[in-house]
Every structure is written in C-alpha cells, then in structure tokens.
Amino acid sequence: MIDETLTLWENGAITLPKAWRKRHDTRHFLARENEQGYLVIMPIVTVEFYQKDGAAGLHFPMGIEAGELLQLWDKAGKKIGAGKKKRSVHRKKNGPH
C-alpha cells in the first residue's frame, strides 16, 4: 500500500498523484467514509460493456456527464460509419393521385 499526502484546495478539490491517475485511467472516483472514520478513495470503472440475449450495450454504473456521453456517441457513430459502405436508395415515384 502506498501512502500519499494530499492537499485540499480552497475550492474543495484534492489533486491525486500523477502515478495514481495514470494507473487507474479514469476521471471518476468514489470517496467514502468507512466505519473507523477514515476517508477511502476508490477508482470507478466508468463504462461496462454487456451482452445479453443477443443484444449488446454499455452500462454506466455511476452515471455519465451529458457532454461525455455525446462525445462517446459521436465517436462510436464515426467508427460504425467508417465500416459501412454507402448505398444508394432507389425509390419508386408515385404518379399523381
């Protein structure tokens, strides 16, 4: 276990050591006070992939900020679009009624 001294800034922010931020690769952490009164900080996995009954999707166990969701949505759409060929759509023209 590694102990670090953290600084609480006037705006309420606490900066985690760079090594911790790199190792856990997340921007979301859960802070909890345990039974002994100690503050425990844990990284949160922000996105979980699941498959069930032939369907697949993403689950955000701790929620997600709307802007971040939009960025992920756009990124996924670009990846899907890059893998598909554009196809032309032929429609029948209806005559006058």
Protein backbone atom coordinates (compact mmCIF):
# COMPACT_ATOMS: atom_id res chain seq x y z
CA MET A 1 0.00 0.00 0.00
CA ILE A 2 1.26 3.47 -0.88
CA ASP A 3 0.55 6.47 1.34
CA GLU A 4 0.49 9.98 -0.12
CA THR A 5 -0.16 13.36 1.44
CA LEU A 6 -2.89 15.18 -0.48
CA THR A 7 -3.68 18.90 -0.41
CA LEU A 8 -7.23 20.22 -0.13
CA TRP A 9 -7.55 23.40 -2.21
CA GLU A 10 -9.81 26.33 -1.27
CA ASN A 11 -12.36 25.29 -3.92
CA GLY A 12 -12.69 21.80 -2.34
CA ALA A 13 -10.57 19.99 -4.94
CA ILE A 14 -7.99 17.38 -3.98
CA THR A 15 -5.27 16.53 -6.51
CA LEU A 16 -4.42 12.85 -6.78
CA PRO A 17 -0.78 11.94 -7.52
CA LYS A 18 0.01 11.62 -11.23
CA ALA A 19 1.07 7.97 -10.85
CA TRP A 20 -2.37 7.10 -9.44
CA ARG A 21 -4.19 8.98 -12.20
CA LYS A 22 -2.16 7.18 -14.89
CA ARG A 23 -2.51 3.75 -13.28
CA HIS A 24 -6.29 3.90 -12.89
CA ASP A 25 -7.02 5.68 -16.22
CA THR A 26 -10.33 7.16 -15.04
CA ARG A 27 -11.65 10.59 -14.16
CA HIS A 28 -14.23 9.19 -11.71
CA PHE A 29 -13.52 8.23 -8.12
CA LEU A 30 -15.75 7.30 -5.21
CA ALA A 31 -14.93 8.80 -1.81
CA ARG A 32 -16.44 7.02 1.18
CA GLU A 33 -16.03 7.37 4.91
CA ASN A 34 -15.59 3.94 6.49
CA GLU A 35 -16.69 2.71 9.94
CA GLN A 36 -13.44 3.92 11.54
CA GLY A 37 -13.99 7.45 10.19
CA TYR A 38 -11.28 7.19 7.50
CA LEU A 39 -11.85 8.65 4.04
CA VAL A 40 -11.31 5.99 1.36
CA ILE A 41 -10.93 6.99 -2.31
CA MET A 42 -11.60 4.31 -4.95
CA PRO A 43 -11.39 4.49 -8.77
CA ILE A 44 -14.65 3.83 -10.61
CA VAL A 45 -14.92 1.93 -13.86
CA THR A 46 -17.00 4.37 -15.88
CA VAL A 47 -18.21 2.12 -18.68
CA GLU A 48 -19.12 -1.55 -18.67
CA PHE A 49 -19.83 -3.48 -21.88
CA TYR A 50 -22.52 -6.14 -21.67
CA GLN A 51 -24.13 -8.77 -23.89
CA LYS A 52 -27.48 -10.34 -23.08
CA ASP A 53 -29.96 -12.29 -25.20
CA GLY A 54 -28.17 -11.37 -28.44
CA ALA A 55 -28.11 -7.65 -27.63
CA ALA A 56 -25.08 -5.63 -26.57
CA GLY A 57 -24.73 -2.30 -24.89
CA LEU A 58 -22.96 -0.04 -22.45
CA HIS A 59 -23.76 0.47 -18.79
CA PHE A 60 -22.61 3.49 -16.79
CA PRO A 61 -22.79 2.29 -13.16
CA MET A 62 -22.10 5.73 -11.67
CA GLY A 63 -23.82 7.77 -14.39
CA ILE A 64 -22.16 9.90 -17.04
CA GLU A 65 -21.95 13.61 -17.77
CA ALA A 66 -24.07 14.53 -20.81
CA GLY A 67 -21.19 16.08 -22.77
CA GLU A 68 -19.03 12.99 -22.28
CA LEU A 69 -21.89 10.75 -23.44
CA LEU A 70 -22.33 12.87 -26.57
CA GLN A 71 -18.60 12.62 -27.38
CA LEU A 72 -18.69 8.81 -26.97
CA TRP A 73 -21.84 8.64 -29.12
CA ASP A 74 -20.22 10.68 -31.91
CA LYS A 75 -17.02 8.63 -31.74
CA ALA A 76 -18.96 5.35 -31.98
CA GLY A 77 -21.01 6.68 -34.90
CA LYS A 78 -17.87 7.58 -36.81
CA LYS A 79 -16.41 4.09 -36.24
CA ILE A 80 -19.63 2.43 -37.38
CA GLY A 81 -19.88 4.73 -40.42
CA ALA A 82 -16.29 4.02 -41.42
CA GLY A 83 -17.02 0.30 -41.60
CA LYS A 84 -20.12 0.60 -43.78
CA LYS A 85 -20.27 1.30 -47.47
CA LYS A 86 -22.70 3.94 -48.59
CA ARG A 87 -25.54 2.51 -50.60
CA SER A 88 -27.85 4.30 -52.87
CA VAL A 89 -31.54 4.26 -52.18
CA HIS A 90 -33.93 3.80 -55.12
CA ARG A 91 -37.50 4.88 -54.52
CA LYS A 92 -40.48 4.39 -56.70
CA LYS A 93 -42.04 7.60 -57.82
CA ASN A 94 -45.74 7.70 -57.33
CA GLY A 95 -47.81 9.23 -60.09
CA PRO A 96 -50.39 11.95 -59.48
CA HIS A 97 -53.39 10.87 -57.40
